[in-house]
PDB file of N, CA and C in Angstrom:
ATOM      1  N   MET A   1     -94.908 -29.432-145.564  1.00  0.00           N
ATOM      2  CA  MET A   1     -94.714 -28.114-145.032  1.00  0.00           C
ATOM      3  C   MET A   1     -95.961 -27.736-144.229  1.00  0.00           C
ATOM      4  N   LYS A   2     -95.747 -27.261-143.023  1.00  0.00           N
ATOM      5  CA  LYS A   2     -96.872 -26.857-142.183  1.00  0.00           C
ATOM      6  C   LYS A   2     -96.941 -25.350-142.115  1.00  0.00           C
ATOM      7  N   GLU A   3     -98.169 -24.832-142.170  1.00  0.00           N
ATOM      8  CA  GLU A   3     -98.404 -23.397-142.060  1.00  0.00           C
ATOM      9  C   GLU A   3     -99.442 -23.172-140.975  1.00  0.00           C
ATOM     10  N   THR A   4     -99.204 -22.164-140.138  1.00  0.00           N
ATOM     11  CA  THR A   4    -100.168 -21.817-139.110  1.00  0.00           C
ATOM     12  C   THR A   4    -100.860 -20.524-139.514  1.00  0.00           C
ATOM     13  N   HIS A   5    -102.185 -20.529-139.416  1.00  0.00           N
ATOM     14  CA  HIS A   5    -102.985 -19.354-139.745  1.00  0.00           C
ATOM     15  C   HIS A   5    -103.766 -18.937-138.505  1.00  0.00           C
ATOM     16  N   VAL A   6    -103.833 -17.647-138.280  1.00  0.00           N
ATOM     17  CA  VAL A   6    -104.624 -17.113-137.182  1.00  0.00           C
ATOM     18  C   VAL A   6    -105.694 -16.217-137.792  1.00  0.00           C
ATOM     19  N   HIS A   7    -106.938 -16.424-137.414  1.00  0.00           N
ATOM     20  CA  HIS A   7    -108.056 -15.624-137.891  1.00  0.00           C
ATOM     21  C   HIS A   7    -108.724 -14.974-136.691  1.00  0.00           C
ATOM     22  N   VAL A   8    -108.992 -13.696-136.783  1.00  0.00           N
ATOM     23  CA  VAL A   8    -109.724 -12.991-135.729  1.00  0.00           C
ATOM     24  C   VAL A   8    -111.106 -12.669-136.283  1.00  0.00           C
ATOM     25  N   LEU A   9    -112.130 -13.207-135.632  1.00  0.00           N
ATOM     26  CA  LEU A   9    -113.496 -13.009-136.080  1.00  0.00           C
ATOM     27  C   LEU A   9    -113.999 -11.631-135.665  1.00  0.00           C
ATOM     28  N   GLU A  10    -115.137 -11.238-136.239  1.00  0.00           N
ATOM     29  CA  GLU A  10    -115.717  -9.930-135.948  1.00  0.00           C
ATOM     30  C   GLU A  10    -115.981  -9.725-134.462  1.00  0.00           C
ATOM     31  N   ASP A  11    -116.318 -10.823-133.768  1.00  0.00           N
ATOM     32  CA  ASP A  11    -116.617 -10.707-132.342  1.00  0.00           C
ATOM     33  C   ASP A  11    -115.363 -10.783-131.466  1.00  0.00           C
ATOM     34  N   GLY A  12    -114.166 -10.825-132.098  1.00  0.00           N
ATOM     35  CA  GLY A  12    -112.919 -10.865-131.352  1.00  0.00           C
ATOM     36  C   GLY A  12    -112.392 -12.267-131.086  1.00  0.00           C
ATOM     37  N   THR A  13    -113.166 -13.286-131.447  1.00  0.00           N
ATOM     38  CA  THR A  13    -112.732 -14.661-131.259  1.00  0.00           C
ATOM     39  C   THR A  13    -111.508 -14.937-132.122  1.00  0.00           C
ATOM     40  N   VAL A  14    -110.516 -15.599-131.539  1.00  0.00           N
ATOM     41  CA  VAL A  14    -109.306 -15.941-132.276  1.00  0.00           C
ATOM     42  C   VAL A  14    -109.345 -17.417-132.628  1.00  0.00           C
ATOM     43  N   LEU A  15    -109.210 -17.698-133.908  1.00  0.00           N
ATOM     44  CA  LEU A  15    -109.151 -19.077-134.380  1.00  0.00           C
ATOM     45  C   LEU A  15    -107.766 -19.300-134.960  1.00  0.00           C
ATOM     46  N   GLU A  16    -107.128 -20.381-134.557  1.00  0.00           N
ATOM     47  CA  GLU A  16    -105.804 -20.701-135.070  1.00  0.00           C
ATOM     48  C   GLU A  16    -105.829 -22.117-135.598  1.00  0.00           C
ATOM     49  N   HIS A  17    -105.250 -22.323-136.773  1.00  0.00           N
ATOM     50  CA  HIS A  17    -105.149 -23.671-137.289  1.00  0.00           C
ATOM     51  C   HIS A  17    -103.856 -23.834-138.073  1.00  0.00           C
ATOM     52  N   THR A  18    -103.376 -25.067-138.080  1.00  0.00           N
ATOM     53  CA  THR A  18    -102.139 -25.388-138.763  1.00  0.00           C
ATOM     54  C   THR A  18    -102.447 -26.382-139.862  1.00  0.00           C
ATOM     55  N   HIS A  19    -101.958 -26.098-141.054  1.00  0.00           N
ATOM     56  CA  HIS A  19    -102.137 -26.999-142.178  1.00  0.00           C
ATOM     57  C   HIS A  19    -100.833 -27.747-142.402  1.00  0.00           C
ATOM     58  N   GLY A  20    -100.917 -29.049-142.414  1.00  0.00           N
ATOM     59  CA  GLY A  20     -99.791 -29.884-142.803  1.00  0.00           C
ATOM     60  C   GLY A  20    -100.086 -30.399-144.191  1.00  0.00           C
ATOM     61  N   GLU A  21     -99.487 -31.536-144.550  1.00  0.00           N
ATOM     62  CA  GLU A  21     -99.775 -32.057-145.882  1.00  0.00           C
ATOM     63  C   GLU A  21    -101.229 -32.508-145.954  1.00  0.00           C
ATOM     64  N   GLN A  22    -101.669 -33.368-145.053  1.00  0.00           N
ATOM     65  CA  GLN A  22    -103.073 -33.733-144.993  1.00  0.00           C
ATOM     66  C   GLN A  22    -103.570 -33.726-143.556  1.00  0.00           C
ATOM     67  N   GLU A  23    -102.682 -33.530-142.621  1.00  0.00           N
ATOM     68  CA  GLU A  23    -103.026 -33.484-141.210  1.00  0.00           C
ATOM     69  C   GLU A  23    -103.278 -32.038-140.817  1.00  0.00           C
ATOM     70  N   HIS A  24    -104.341 -31.782-140.109  1.00  0.00           N
ATOM     71  CA  HIS A  24    -104.669 -30.427-139.698  1.00  0.00           C
ATOM     72  C   HIS A  24    -104.826 -30.381-138.191  1.00  0.00           C
ATOM     73  N   VAL A  25    -104.326 -29.308-137.594  1.00  0.00           N
ATOM     74  CA  VAL A  25    -104.508 -29.074-136.172  1.00  0.00           C
ATOM     75  C   VAL A  25    -105.231 -27.744-136.052  1.00  0.00           C
ATOM     76  N   HIS A  26    -106.381 -27.735-135.403  1.00  0.00           N
ATOM     77  CA  HIS A  26    -107.161 -26.513-135.226  1.00  0.00           C
ATOM     78  C   HIS A  26    -107.258 -26.214-133.744  1.00  0.00           C
ATOM     79  N   THR A  27    -107.186 -24.957-133.403  1.00  0.00           N
ATOM     80  CA  THR A  27    -107.443 -24.525-132.037  1.00  0.00           C
ATOM     81  C   THR A  27    -108.474 -23.420-132.115  1.00  0.00           C
ATOM     82  N   HIS A  28    -109.633 -23.641-131.544  1.00  0.00           N
ATOM     83  CA  HIS A  28    -110.686 -22.637-131.519  1.00  0.00           C
ATOM     84  C   HIS A  28    -110.648 -21.964-130.163  1.00  0.00           C
ATOM     85  N   ASP A  29    -110.527 -20.660-130.165  1.00  0.00           N
ATOM     86  CA  ASP A  29    -110.472 -19.882-128.922  1.00  0.00           C
ATOM     87  C   ASP A  29    -109.290 -20.280-128.046  1.00  0.00           C
ATOM     88  N   GLY A  30    -108.314 -20.982-128.586  1.00  0.00           N
ATOM     89  CA  GLY A  30    -107.165 -21.399-127.800  1.00  0.00           C
ATOM     90  C   GLY A  30    -107.495 -22.455-126.766  1.00  0.00           C
ATOM     91  N   THR A  31    -108.687 -23.060-126.822  1.00  0.00           N
ATOM     92  CA  THR A  31    -109.091 -23.974-125.771  1.00  0.00           C
ATOM     93  C   THR A  31    -109.008 -25.440-126.153  1.00  0.00           C
ATOM     94  N   HIS A  32    -109.332 -25.785-127.373  1.00  0.00           N
ATOM     95  CA  HIS A  32    -109.419 -27.200-127.712  1.00  0.00           C
ATOM     96  C   HIS A  32    -108.744 -27.510-129.050  1.00  0.00           C
ATOM     97  N   PRO A  33    -107.497 -27.966-129.018  1.00  0.00           N
ATOM     98  CA  PRO A  33    -106.883 -28.364-130.285  1.00  0.00           C
ATOM     99  C   PRO A  33    -107.381 -29.751-130.679  1.00  0.00           C
ATOM    100  N   HIS A  34    -107.653 -29.941-131.957  1.00  0.00           N
ATOM    101  CA  HIS A  34    -107.996 -31.277-132.415  1.00  0.00           C
ATOM    102  C   HIS A  34    -107.229 -31.599-133.690  1.00  0.00           C
ATOM    103  N   HIS A  35    -106.882 -32.867-133.826  1.00  0.00           N
ATOM    104  CA  HIS A  35    -106.087 -33.339-134.952  1.00  0.00           C
ATOM    105  C   HIS A  35    -106.956 -34.235-135.814  1.00  0.00           C
ATOM    106  N   HIS A  36    -106.832 -34.070-137.105  1.00  0.00           N
ATOM    107  CA  HIS A  36    -107.537 -34.961-138.007  1.00  0.00           C
ATOM    108  C   HIS A  36    -106.946 -34.844-139.395  1.00  0.00           C
ATOM    109  N   SER A  37    -107.183 -35.848-140.190  1.00  0.00           N
ATOM    110  CA  SER A  37    -106.765 -35.740-141.588  1.00  0.00           C
ATOM    111  C   SER A  37    -108.030 -35.809-142.429  1.00  0.00           C
ATOM    112  N   HIS A  38    -108.083 -34.999-143.451  1.00  0.00           N
ATOM    113  CA  HIS A  38    -109.240 -34.981-144.327  1.00  0.00           C
ATOM    114  C   HIS A  38    -109.090 -36.074-145.371  1.00  0.00           C
ATOM    115  N   ALA A  39    -110.072 -36.927-145.445  1.00  0.00           N
ATOM    116  CA  ALA A  39    -110.019 -38.080-146.338  1.00  0.00           C
ATOM    117  C   ALA A  39    -109.992 -37.675-147.808  1.00  0.00           C
ATOM    118  N   GLN A  40    -110.566 -36.541-148.138  1.00  0.00           N
ATOM    119  CA  GLN A  40    -110.732 -36.154-149.536  1.00  0.00           C
ATOM    120  C   GLN A  40    -109.684 -35.170-150.052  1.00  0.00           C
ATOM    121  N   THR A  41    -108.626 -34.917-149.299  1.00  0.00           N
ATOM    122  CA  THR A  41    -107.645 -33.901-149.709  1.00  0.00           C
ATOM    123  C   THR A  41    -107.084 -34.180-151.102  1.00  0.00           C
ATOM    124  N   LYS A  42    -106.670 -35.406-151.357  1.00  0.00           N
ATOM    125  CA  LYS A  42    -106.083 -35.729-152.655  1.00  0.00           C
ATOM    126  C   LYS A  42    -107.106 -35.549-153.779  1.00  0.00           C
ATOM    127  N   ALA A  43    -108.328 -35.991-153.558  1.00  0.00           N
ATOM    128  CA  ALA A  43    -109.379 -35.840-154.570  1.00  0.00           C
ATOM    129  C   ALA A  43    -109.663 -34.370-154.835  1.00  0.00           C
ATOM    130  N   VAL A  44    -109.698 -33.555-153.791  1.00  0.00           N
ATOM    131  CA  VAL A  44    -109.943 -32.112-153.946  1.00  0.00           C
ATOM    132  C   VAL A  44    -108.814 -31.474-154.739  1.00  0.00           C
ATOM    133  N   LEU A  45    -107.578 -31.804-154.404  1.00  0.00           N
ATOM    134  CA  LEU A  45    -106.441 -31.242-155.128  1.00  0.00           C
ATOM    135  C   LEU A  45    -106.469 -31.639-156.602  1.00  0.00           C
ATOM    136  N   ASN A  46    -106.836 -32.885-156.880  1.00  0.00           N
ATOM    137  CA  ASN A  46    -106.945 -33.328-158.277  1.00  0.00           C
ATOM    138  C   ASN A  46    -108.032 -32.560-159.015  1.00  0.00           C
ATOM    139  N   ARG A  47    -109.169 -32.376-158.381  1.00  0.00           N
ATOM    140  CA  ARG A  47    -110.261 -31.630-159.003  1.00  0.00           C
ATOM    141  C   ARG A  47    -109.868 -30.176-159.266  1.00  0.00           C
ATOM    142  N   LEU A  48    -109.189 -29.574-158.305  1.00  0.00           N
ATOM    143  CA  LEU A  48    -108.751 -28.190-158.481  1.00  0.00           C
ATOM    144  C   LEU A  48    -107.736 -28.077-159.615  1.00  0.00           C
ATOM    145  N   SER A  49    -106.833 -29.032-159.701  1.00  0.00           N
ATOM    146  CA  SER A  49    -105.854 -29.023-160.797  1.00  0.00           C
ATOM    147  C   SER A  49    -106.546 -29.133-162.151  1.00  0.00           C
ATOM    148  N   ARG A  50    -107.562 -29.999-162.239  1.00  0.00           N
ATOM    149  CA  ARG A  50    -108.309 -30.126-163.500  1.00  0.00           C
ATOM    150  C   ARG A  50    -109.045 -28.832-163.822  1.00  0.00           C
ATOM    151  N   ALA A  51    -109.631 -28.197-162.815  1.00  0.00           N
ATOM    152  CA  ALA A  51    -110.351 -26.940-163.042  1.00  0.00           C
ATOM    153  C   ALA A  51    -109.385 -25.847-163.503  1.00  0.00           C
ATOM    154  N   ILE A  52    -108.201 -25.811-162.912  1.00  0.00           N
ATOM    155  CA  ILE A  52    -107.194 -24.828-163.325  1.00  0.00           C
ATOM    156  C   ILE A  52    -106.803 -25.067-164.782  1.00  0.00           C
ATOM    157  N   GLY A  53    -106.585 -26.313-165.143  1.00  0.00           N
ATOM    158  CA  GLY A  53    -106.256 -26.643-166.529  1.00  0.00           C
ATOM    159  C   GLY A  53    -107.376 -26.252-167.477  1.00  0.00           C
ATOM    160  N   HIS A  54    -108.596 -26.482-167.054  1.00  0.00           N
ATOM    161  CA  HIS A  54    -109.756 -26.118-167.857  1.00  0.00           C
ATOM    162  C   HIS A  54    -109.830 -24.606-168.042  1.00  0.00           C
ATOM    163  N   MET A  55    -109.572 -23.857-166.972  1.00  0.00           N
ATOM    164  CA  MET A  55    -109.578 -22.388-167.059  1.00  0.00           C
ATOM    165  C   MET A  55    -108.489 -21.893-168.011  1.00  0.00           C
ATOM    166  N   GLU A  56    -107.335 -22.533-167.983  1.00  0.00           N
ATOM    167  CA  GLU A  56    -106.264 -22.152-168.912  1.00  0.00           C
ATOM    168  C   GLU A  56    -106.702 -22.384-170.358  1.00  0.00           C
ATOM    169  N   SER A  57    -107.432 -23.486-170.580  1.00  0.00           N
ATOM    170  CA  SER A  57    -107.958 -23.762-171.923  1.00  0.00           C
ATOM    171  C   SER A  57    -108.972 -22.703-172.347  1.00  0.00           C
ATOM    172  N   ILE A  58    -109.811 -22.284-171.421  1.00  0.00           N
ATOM    173  CA  ILE A  58    -110.801 -21.244-171.717  1.00  0.00           C
ATOM    174  C   ILE A  58    -110.096 -19.924-172.037  1.00  0.00           C
ATOM    175  N   LYS A  59    -109.048 -19.629-171.301  1.00  0.00           N
ATOM    176  CA  LYS A  59    -108.286 -18.410-171.567  1.00  0.00           C
ATOM    177  C   LYS A  59    -107.735 -18.449-172.999  1.00  0.00           C
ATOM    178  N   ARG A  60    -107.215 -19.598-173.406  1.00  0.00           N
ATOM    179  CA  ARG A  60    -106.712 -19.722-174.780  1.00  0.00           C
ATOM    180  C   ARG A  60    -107.835 -19.555-175.795  1.00  0.00           C
ATOM    181  N   MET A  61    -109.013 -20.077-175.464  1.00  0.00           N
ATOM    182  CA  MET A  61    -110.163 -19.918-176.356  1.00  0.00           C
ATOM    183  C   MET A  61    -110.459 -18.437-176.581  1.00  0.00           C
ATOM    184  N   VAL A  62    -110.431 -17.666-175.501  1.00  0.00           N
ATOM    185  CA  VAL A  62    -110.701 -16.227-175.594  1.00  0.00           C
ATOM    186  C   VAL A  62    -109.604 -15.549-176.410  1.00  0.00           C
ATOM    187  N   GLU A  63    -108.361 -15.906-176.132  1.00  0.00           N
ATOM    188  CA  GLU A  63    -107.240 -15.320-176.872  1.00  0.00           C
ATOM    189  C   GLU A  63    -107.336 -15.620-178.369  1.00  0.00           C
ATOM    190  N   GLU A  64    -107.871 -16.796-178.705  1.00  0.00           N
ATOM    191  CA  GLU A  64    -107.999 -17.204-180.108  1.00  0.00           C
ATOM    192  C   GLU A  64    -109.266 -16.662-180.766  1.00  0.00           C
ATOM    193  N   GLY A  65    -110.085 -15.972-179.971  1.00  0.00           N
ATOM    194  CA  GLY A  65    -111.303 -15.393-180.519  1.00  0.00           C
ATOM    195  C   GLY A  65    -112.400 -16.406-180.802  1.00  0.00           C
ATOM    196  N   ARG A  66    -112.440 -17.481-180.030  1.00  0.00           N
ATOM    197  CA  ARG A  66    -113.467 -18.504-180.212  1.00  0.00           C
ATOM    198  C   ARG A  66    -114.846 -17.932-179.930  1.00  0.00           C
ATOM    199  N   ASP A  67    -115.843 -18.605-180.420  1.00  0.00           N
ATOM    200  CA  ASP A  67    -117.241 -18.185-180.279  1.00  0.00           C
ATOM    201  C   ASP A  67    -117.601 -18.001-178.806  1.00  0.00           C
ATOM    202  N   CYS A  68    -118.260 -16.882-178.514  1.00  0.00           N
ATOM    203  CA  CYS A  68    -118.632 -16.547-177.128  1.00  0.00           C
ATOM    204  C   CYS A  68    -119.489 -17.629-176.484  1.00  0.00           C
ATOM    205  N   SER A  69    -120.401 -18.205-177.236  1.00  0.00           N
ATOM    206  CA  SER A  69    -121.274 -19.230-176.653  1.00  0.00           C
ATOM    207  C   SER A  69    -120.469 -20.466-176.240  1.00  0.00           C
ATOM    208  N   GLU A  70    -119.422 -20.815-177.012  1.00  0.00           N
ATOM    209  CA  GLU A  70    -118.558 -21.937-176.632  1.00  0.00           C
ATOM    210  C   GLU A  70    -117.809 -21.626-175.333  1.00  0.00           C
ATOM    211  N   VAL A  71    -117.332 -20.392-175.224  1.00  0.00           N
ATOM    212  CA  VAL A  71    -116.615 -19.972-174.024  1.00  0.00           C
ATOM    213  C   VAL A  71    -117.548 -20.027-172.815  1.00  0.00           C
ATOM    214  N   LEU A  72    -118.767 -19.535-172.977  1.00  0.00           N
ATOM    215  CA  LEU A  72    -119.729 -19.549-171.868  1.00  0.00           C
ATOM    216  C   LEU A  72    -120.059 -20.971-171.427  1.00  0.00           C
ATOM    217  N   ILE A  73    -120.187 -21.875-172.368  1.00  0.00           N
ATOM    218  CA  ILE A  73    -120.471 -23.276-172.031  1.00  0.00           C
ATOM    219  C   ILE A  73    -119.314 -23.855-171.208  1.00  0.00           C
ATOM    220  N   GLN A  74    -118.082 -23.551-171.622  1.00  0.00           N
ATOM    221  CA  GLN A  74    -116.924 -24.056-170.892  1.00  0.00           C
ATOM    222  C   GLN A  74    -116.806 -23.418-169.509  1.00  0.00           C
ATOM    223  N   LEU A  75    -117.125 -22.131-169.414  1.00  0.00           N
ATOM    224  CA  LEU A  75    -117.131 -21.468-168.108  1.00  0.00           C
ATOM    225  C   LEU A  75    -118.161 -22.101-167.181  1.00  0.00           C
ATOM    226  N   SER A  76    -119.294 -22.454-167.734  1.00  0.00           N
ATOM    227  CA  SER A  76    -120.334 -23.113-166.947  1.00  0.00           C
ATOM    228  C   SER A  76    -119.837 -24.457-166.409  1.00  0.00           C
ATOM    229  N   ALA A  77    -119.089 -25.172-167.229  1.00  0.00           N
ATOM    230  CA  ALA A  77    -118.541 -26.464-166.797  1.00  0.00           C
ATOM    231  C   ALA A  77    -117.556 -26.281-165.644  1.00  0.00           C
ATOM    232  N   VAL A  78    -116.725 -25.241-165.726  1.00  0.00           N
ATOM    233  CA  VAL A  78    -115.762 -24.975-164.657  1.00  0.00           C
ATOM    234  C   VAL A  78    -116.489 -24.569-163.382  1.00  0.00           C
ATOM    235  N   LYS A  79    -117.503 -23.739-163.533  1.00  0.00           N
ATOM    236  CA  LYS A  79    -118.292 -23.306-162.379  1.00  0.00           C
ATOM    237  C   LYS A  79    -118.908 -24.514-161.666  1.00  0.00           C
ATOM    238  N   SER A  80    -119.445 -25.421-162.431  1.00  0.00           N
ATOM    239  CA  SER A  80    -120.030 -26.638-161.868  1.00  0.00           C
ATOM    240  C   SER A  80    -118.966 -27.480-161.162  1.00  0.00           C
ATOM    241  N   ALA A  81    -117.794 -27.605-161.779  1.00  0.00           N
ATOM    242  CA  ALA A  81    -116.708 -28.374-161.170  1.00  0.00           C
ATOM    243  C   ALA A  81    -116.267 -27.757-159.852  1.00  0.00           C
ATOM    244  N   ILE A  82    -116.166 -26.437-159.816  1.00  0.00           N
ATOM    245  CA  ILE A  82    -115.767 -25.740-158.581  1.00  0.00           C
ATOM    246  C   ILE A  82    -116.835 -25.930-157.500  1.00  0.00           C
ATOM    247  N   ASN A  83    -118.102 -25.802-157.865  1.00  0.00           N
ATOM    248  CA  ASN A  83    -119.180 -26.006-156.893  1.00  0.00           C
ATOM    249  C   ASN A  83    -119.160 -27.425-156.334  1.00  0.00           C
ATOM    250  N   ASN A  84    -118.934 -28.408-157.187  1.00  0.00           N
ATOM    251  CA  ASN A  84    -118.881 -29.796-156.725  1.00  0.00           C
ATOM    252  C   ASN A  84    -117.673 -30.031-155.819  1.00  0.00           C
ATOM    253  N   THR A  85    -116.568 -29.378-156.114  1.00  0.00           N
ATOM    254  CA  THR A  85    -115.388 -29.471-155.254  1.00  0.00           C
ATOM    255  C   THR A  85    -115.693 -28.843-153.893  1.00  0.00           C
ATOM    256  N   GLY A  86    -116.384 -27.724-153.903  1.00  0.00           N
ATOM    257  CA  GLY A  86    -116.786 -27.087-152.650  1.00  0.00           C
ATOM    258  C   GLY A  86    -117.667 -27.995-151.813  1.00  0.00           C
ATOM    259  N   LYS A  87    -118.547 -28.738-152.458  1.00  0.00           N
ATOM    260  CA  LYS A  87    -119.418 -29.676-151.734  1.00  0.00           C
ATOM    261  C   LYS A  87    -118.605 -30.767-151.050  1.00  0.00           C
ATOM    262  N   ILE A  88    -117.566 -31.246-151.723  1.00  0.00           N
ATOM    263  CA  ILE A  88    -116.705 -32.273-151.125  1.00  0.00           C
ATOM    264  C   ILE A  88    -115.972 -31.701-149.919  1.00  0.00           C
ATOM    265  N   ILE A  89    -115.454 -30.489-150.059  1.00  0.00           N
ATOM    266  CA  ILE A  89    -114.760 -29.842-148.939  1.00  0.00           C
ATOM    267  C   ILE A  89    -115.728 -29.639-147.775  1.00  0.00           C
ATOM    268  N   LEU A  90    -116.929 -29.195-148.068  1.00  0.00           N
ATOM    269  CA  LEU A  90    -117.934 -28.984-147.027  1.00  0.00           C
ATOM    270  C   LEU A  90    -118.271 -30.289-146.319  1.00  0.00           C
ATOM    271  N   GLN A  91    -118.463 -31.353-147.085  1.00  0.00           N
ATOM    272  CA  GLN A  91    -118.778 -32.654-146.485  1.00  0.00           C
ATOM    273  C   GLN A  91    -117.636 -33.106-145.578  1.00  0.00           C
ATOM    274  N   ASP A  92    -116.401 -32.982-146.053  1.00  0.00           N
ATOM    275  CA  ASP A  92    -115.237 -33.354-145.258  1.00  0.00           C
ATOM    276  C   ASP A  92    -115.162 -32.514-143.982  1.00  0.00           C
ATOM    277  N   HIS A  93    -115.433 -31.222-144.114  1.00  0.00           N
ATOM    278  CA  HIS A  93    -115.390 -30.319-142.965  1.00  0.00           C
ATOM    279  C   HIS A  93    -116.432 -30.722-141.923  1.00  0.00           C
ATOM    280  N   ILE A  94    -117.623 -31.031-142.376  1.00  0.00           N
ATOM    281  CA  ILE A  94    -118.676 -31.443-141.443  1.00  0.00           C
ATOM    282  C   ILE A  94    -118.299 -32.749-140.760  1.00  0.00           C
ATOM    283  N   GLU A  95    -117.810 -33.716-141.540  1.00  0.00           N
ATOM    284  CA  GLU A  95    -117.494 -35.034-140.984  1.00  0.00           C
ATOM    285  C   GLU A  95    -116.330 -35.009-140.006  1.00  0.00           C
ATOM    286  N   HIS A  96    -115.421 -34.032-140.160  1.00  0.00           N
ATOM    287  CA  HIS A  96    -114.253 -34.002-139.284  1.00  0.00           C
ATOM    288  C   HIS A  96    -114.305 -32.840-138.306  1.00  0.00           C
ATOM    289  N   CYS A  97    -114.216 -31.632-138.796  1.00  0.00           N
ATOM    290  CA  CYS A  97    -114.116 -30.450-137.924  1.00  0.00           C
ATOM    291  C   CYS A  97    -115.383 -30.239-137.098  1.00  0.00           C
ATOM    292  N   ILE A  98    -116.520 -30.292-137.752  1.00  0.00           N
ATOM    293  CA  ILE A  98    -117.769 -29.978-137.050  1.00  0.00           C
ATOM    294  C   ILE A  98    -118.137 -31.080-136.061  1.00  0.00           C
ATOM    295  N   VAL A  99    -117.946 -32.327-136.435  1.00  0.00           N
ATOM    296  CA  VAL A  99    -118.218 -33.417-135.494  1.00  0.00           C
ATOM    297  C   VAL A  99    -117.358 -33.243-134.246  1.00  0.00           C
ATOM    298  N   ASP A 100    -116.075 -32.948-134.436  1.00  0.00           N
ATOM    299  CA  ASP A 100    -115.182 -32.732-133.305  1.00  0.00           C
ATOM    300  C   ASP A 100    -115.623 -31.519-132.481  1.00  0.00           C
ATOM    301  N   ALA A 101    -115.995 -30.451-133.159  1.00  0.00           N
ATOM    302  CA  ALA A 101    -116.427 -29.238-132.456  1.00  0.00           C
ATOM    303  C   ALA A 101    -117.674 -29.497-131.621  1.00  0.00           C
ATOM    304  N   VAL A 102    -118.630 -30.230-132.181  1.00  0.00           N
ATOM    305  CA  VAL A 102    -119.863 -30.546-131.449  1.00  0.00           C
ATOM    306  C   VAL A 102    -119.541 -31.403-130.224  1.00  0.00           C
ATOM    307  N   GLU A 103    -118.651 -32.373-130.422  1.00  0.00           N
ATOM    308  CA  GLU A 103    -118.273 -33.234-129.301  1.00  0.00           C
ATOM    309  C   GLU A 103    -117.638 -32.443-128.154  1.00  0.00           C
ATOM    310  N   HIS A 104    -117.020 -31.315-128.478  1.00  0.00           N
ATOM    311  CA  HIS A 104    -116.343 -30.508-127.468  1.00  0.00           C
ATOM    312  C   HIS A 104    -117.088 -29.207-127.152  1.00  0.00           C
ATOM    313  N   GLY A 105    -118.339 -29.113-127.585  1.00  0.00           N
ATOM    314  CA  GLY A 105    -119.176 -27.963-127.248  1.00  0.00           C
ATOM    315  C   GLY A 105    -118.735 -26.651-127.869  1.00  0.00           C
ATOM    316  N   ASP A 106    -118.073 -26.708-129.002  1.00  0.00           N
ATOM    317  CA  ASP A 106    -117.572 -25.508-129.668  1.00  0.00           C
ATOM    318  C   ASP A 106    -118.650 -24.920-130.576  1.00  0.00           C
ATOM    319  N   ARG A 107    -119.436 -24.009-130.027  1.00  0.00           N
ATOM    320  CA  ARG A 107    -120.515 -23.385-130.798  1.00  0.00           C
ATOM    321  C   ARG A 107    -119.991 -22.412-131.848  1.00  0.00           C
ATOM    322  N   ASP A 108    -118.808 -21.852-131.634  1.00  0.00           N
ATOM    323  CA  ASP A 108    -118.232 -20.921-132.601  1.00  0.00           C
ATOM    324  C   ASP A 108    -117.960 -21.603-133.938  1.00  0.00           C
ATOM    325  N   ALA A 109    -117.585 -22.871-133.884  1.00  0.00           N
ATOM    326  CA  ALA A 109    -117.318 -23.608-135.128  1.00  0.00           C
ATOM    327  C   ALA A 109    -118.592 -23.726-135.957  1.00  0.00           C
ATOM    328  N   ILE A 110    -119.723 -23.898-135.299  1.00  0.00           N
ATOM    329  CA  ILE A 110    -121.003 -23.974-136.003  1.00  0.00           C
ATOM    330  C   ILE A 110    -121.324 -22.627-136.647  1.00  0.00           C
ATOM    331  N   LYS A 111    -121.101 -21.542-135.911  1.00  0.00           N
ATOM    332  CA  LYS A 111    -121.344 -20.203-136.461  1.00  0.00           C
ATOM    333  C   LYS A 111    -120.456 -19.958-137.681  1.00  0.00           C
ATOM    334  N   GLU A 112    -119.194 -20.364-137.599  1.00  0.00           N
ATOM    335  CA  GLU A 112    -118.272 -20.189-138.721  1.00  0.00           C
ATOM    336  C   GLU A 112    -118.702 -21.027-139.919  1.00  0.00           C
ATOM    337  N   LEU A 113    -119.212 -22.215-139.668  1.00  0.00           N
ATOM    338  CA  LEU A 113    -119.721 -23.061-140.756  1.00  0.00           C
ATOM    339  C   LEU A 113    -120.891 -22.369-141.449  1.00  0.00           C
ATOM    340  N   GLU A 114    -121.789 -21.792-140.671  1.00  0.00           N
ATOM    341  CA  GLU A 114    -122.930 -21.078-141.248  1.00  0.00           C
ATOM    342  C   GLU A 114    -122.465 -19.928-142.134  1.00  0.00           C
ATOM    343  N   LYS A 115    -121.471 -19.169-141.664  1.00  0.00           N
ATOM    344  CA  LYS A 115    -120.932 -18.062-142.471  1.00  0.00           C
ATOM    345  C   LYS A 115    -120.278 -18.584-143.756  1.00  0.00           C
ATOM    346  N   ALA A 116    -119.530 -19.662-143.631  1.00  0.00           N
ATOM    347  CA  ALA A 116    -118.859 -20.240-144.799  1.00  0.00           C
ATOM    348  C   ALA A 116    -119.869 -20.728-145.821  1.00  0.00           C
ATOM    349  N   ILE A 117    -120.948 -21.352-145.362  1.00  0.00           N
ATOM    350  CA  ILE A 117    -121.992 -21.832-146.283  1.00  0.00           C
ATOM    351  C   ILE A 117    -122.647 -20.637-146.974  1.00  0.00           C
ATOM    352  N   ASP A 118    -122.938 -19.578-146.219  1.00  0.00           N
ATOM    353  CA  ASP A 118    -123.512 -18.373-146.820  1.00  0.00           C
ATOM    354  C   ASP A 118    -122.633 -17.831-147.936  1.00  0.00           C
ATOM    355  N   ARG A 119    -121.343 -17.737-147.667  1.00  0.00           N
ATOM    356  CA  ARG A 119    -120.408 -17.216-148.681  1.00  0.00           C
ATOM    357  C   ARG A 119    -120.312 -18.155-149.868  1.00  0.00           C
ATOM    358  N   PHE A 120    -120.288 -19.438-149.618  1.00  0.00           N
ATOM    359  CA  PHE A 120    -120.181 -20.427-150.689  1.00  0.00           C
ATOM    360  C   PHE A 120    -121.407 -20.408-151.589  1.00  0.00           C
ATOM    361  N   MET A 121    -122.568 -20.148-151.008  1.00  0.00           N
ATOM    362  CA  MET A 121    -123.821 -20.195-151.767  1.00  0.00           C
ATOM    363  C   MET A 121    -124.037 -18.941-152.615  1.00  0.00           C
ATOM    364  N   LYS A 122    -123.287 -17.870-152.376  1.00  0.00           N
ATOM    365  CA  LYS A 122    -123.485 -16.627-153.135  1.00  0.00           C
ATOM    366  C   LYS A 122    -122.993 -16.773-154.556  1.00  0.00           C
TER     367      LYS A 122
END
């Protein structure tokens, strides 16, 4: 199933991208569409599924009244898993989207990467 998303940045720039199963088509400013598949999509989805399962287990721990310190330790593990998944997504994004953007002189993609890293690091 393919979905097209349109994002309007604060400066009025329009970014459009289409998500397929693993194939992505991005158009920045309507000028340069590029096609690529992310090598790590399956690994990311598996990691996210495990994190979701882990969160469900933590929810049950809370419902059962388990010790707060045990819950915090498990939350820390999920947080670490999510951060590591984000690193994989970031690496994939740099290797595919950003390399393509640089090759085509798309400076907006670099600015968006900087914003995404800022948000991810908070």
